[in-house]
Amino acid sequence: MLSNHITINTLTKNDDQQFKHINHLNSIHLNFRFMCDWSECHKQFTAKQYLNDHKKYVHLKDKTFTCNEENCGKILPTKVRLNRHKVIH
């Protein structure tokens, strides 16, 4: 991992604006990326959490959110994607 990036270890969940700002600085101005090391994937992400989510949902197939609409039952990896999916009903 490169040492010329700004870390977000000290931020709390309430620091969303700071997280977005630091993510912006790292990804746009410092061109820092977190790369997936999964077998021949090598996708790049602007935040470590995005990389962790990617590994969990894409490579480990950890999908935990189920649509409760009648006759659907689709399983999605994140609450955001579930909410986005529910718009079709």
Protein backbone atom coordinates (compact mmCIF):
# COMPACT_ATOMS: atom_id res chain seq x y z
CA MET A 1 0.00 0.00 0.00
CA LEU A 2 1.23 3.44 -0.82
CA SER A 3 2.20 5.81 1.95
CA ASN A 4 1.12 9.01 0.18
CA HIS A 5 -2.55 8.81 1.02
CA ILE A 6 -4.68 10.28 3.79
CA THR A 7 -6.07 7.77 6.24
CA ILE A 8 -9.58 7.76 7.67
CA ASN A 9 -8.94 5.50 10.66
CA THR A 10 -9.73 8.27 13.14
CA LEU A 11 -13.08 9.24 11.64
CA THR A 12 -16.38 8.14 13.10
CA LYS A 13 -19.58 7.23 11.27
CA ASN A 14 -20.80 10.78 11.89
CA ASP A 15 -17.92 12.15 9.88
CA ASP A 16 -19.50 11.38 6.52
CA GLN A 17 -18.49 14.72 5.01
CA GLN A 18 -14.88 14.24 6.14
CA PHE A 19 -14.90 10.70 4.76
CA LYS A 20 -16.13 11.96 1.38
CA HIS A 21 -13.57 14.76 1.38
CA ILE A 22 -10.66 12.47 2.22
CA ASN A 23 -11.90 9.92 -0.30
CA HIS A 24 -11.97 12.70 -2.90
CA LEU A 25 -8.45 13.87 -2.05
CA ASN A 26 -7.06 10.33 -2.17
CA SER A 27 -8.76 9.29 -5.37
CA ILE A 28 -8.68 12.50 -7.44
CA HIS A 29 -5.68 14.50 -6.30
CA LEU A 30 -3.36 11.74 -5.07
CA ASN A 31 -4.69 9.11 -7.51
CA PHE A 32 -4.58 6.53 -4.71
CA ARG A 33 -6.48 3.27 -5.23
CA PHE A 34 -7.08 0.09 -3.24
CA MET A 35 -6.67 -2.86 -5.60
CA CYS A 36 -8.46 -6.19 -5.30
CA ASP A 37 -5.93 -9.00 -4.97
CA TRP A 38 -8.48 -11.74 -5.62
CA SER A 39 -7.44 -14.16 -8.37
CA GLU A 40 -7.01 -12.06 -11.51
CA CYS A 41 -9.63 -9.45 -10.51
CA HIS A 42 -7.52 -6.35 -9.86
CA LYS A 43 -10.48 -3.95 -9.70
CA GLN A 44 -9.56 -0.65 -8.07
CA PHE A 45 -11.48 1.28 -5.42
CA THR A 46 -11.14 4.72 -3.91
CA ALA A 47 -11.79 3.57 -0.33
CA LYS A 48 -10.72 0.48 1.59
CA GLN A 49 -14.31 -0.07 2.69
CA TYR A 50 -15.41 -0.22 -0.96
CA LEU A 51 -12.73 -2.85 -1.60
CA ASN A 52 -13.84 -4.86 1.44
CA ASP A 53 -17.48 -4.65 0.33
CA HIS A 54 -16.49 -5.76 -3.18
CA LYS A 55 -14.65 -8.83 -1.86
CA LYS A 56 -17.48 -9.72 0.48
CA TYR A 57 -20.30 -9.40 -2.04
CA VAL A 58 -18.63 -10.34 -5.33
CA HIS A 59 -16.02 -12.94 -4.45
CA LEU A 60 -17.45 -14.44 -1.25
CA LYS A 61 -21.06 -14.17 -2.51
CA ASP A 62 -22.24 -12.81 0.87
CA LYS A 63 -25.69 -11.51 0.00
CA THR A 64 -27.83 -10.79 3.04
CA PHE A 65 -30.68 -8.46 2.00
CA THR A 66 -33.88 -10.07 0.69
CA CYS A 67 -36.71 -8.29 -1.09
CA ASN A 68 -39.94 -8.94 0.79
CA GLU A 69 -42.25 -7.96 -2.05
CA GLU A 70 -44.78 -10.63 -3.01
CA ASN A 71 -43.40 -13.21 -5.47
CA CYS A 72 -39.95 -11.64 -5.54
CA GLY A 73 -37.52 -12.77 -2.84
CA LYS A 74 -34.48 -11.45 -4.72
CA ILE A 75 -31.34 -11.45 -2.57
CA LEU A 76 -29.00 -8.47 -2.84
CA PRO A 77 -25.61 -7.71 -1.29
CA THR A 78 -26.36 -4.29 0.25
CA LYS A 79 -29.27 -2.36 1.69
CA VAL A 80 -28.63 0.39 -0.86
CA ARG A 81 -29.01 -2.08 -3.71
CA LEU A 82 -32.14 -3.54 -2.10
CA ASN A 83 -33.72 -0.09 -1.86
CA ARG A 84 -32.75 0.63 -5.46
CA HIS A 85 -34.28 -2.71 -6.51
CA LYS A 86 -37.55 -2.07 -4.66
CA VAL A 87 -38.27 0.89 -6.96
CA ILE A 88 -39.23 -1.59 -9.71
CA HIS A 89 -42.17 -2.93 -7.66
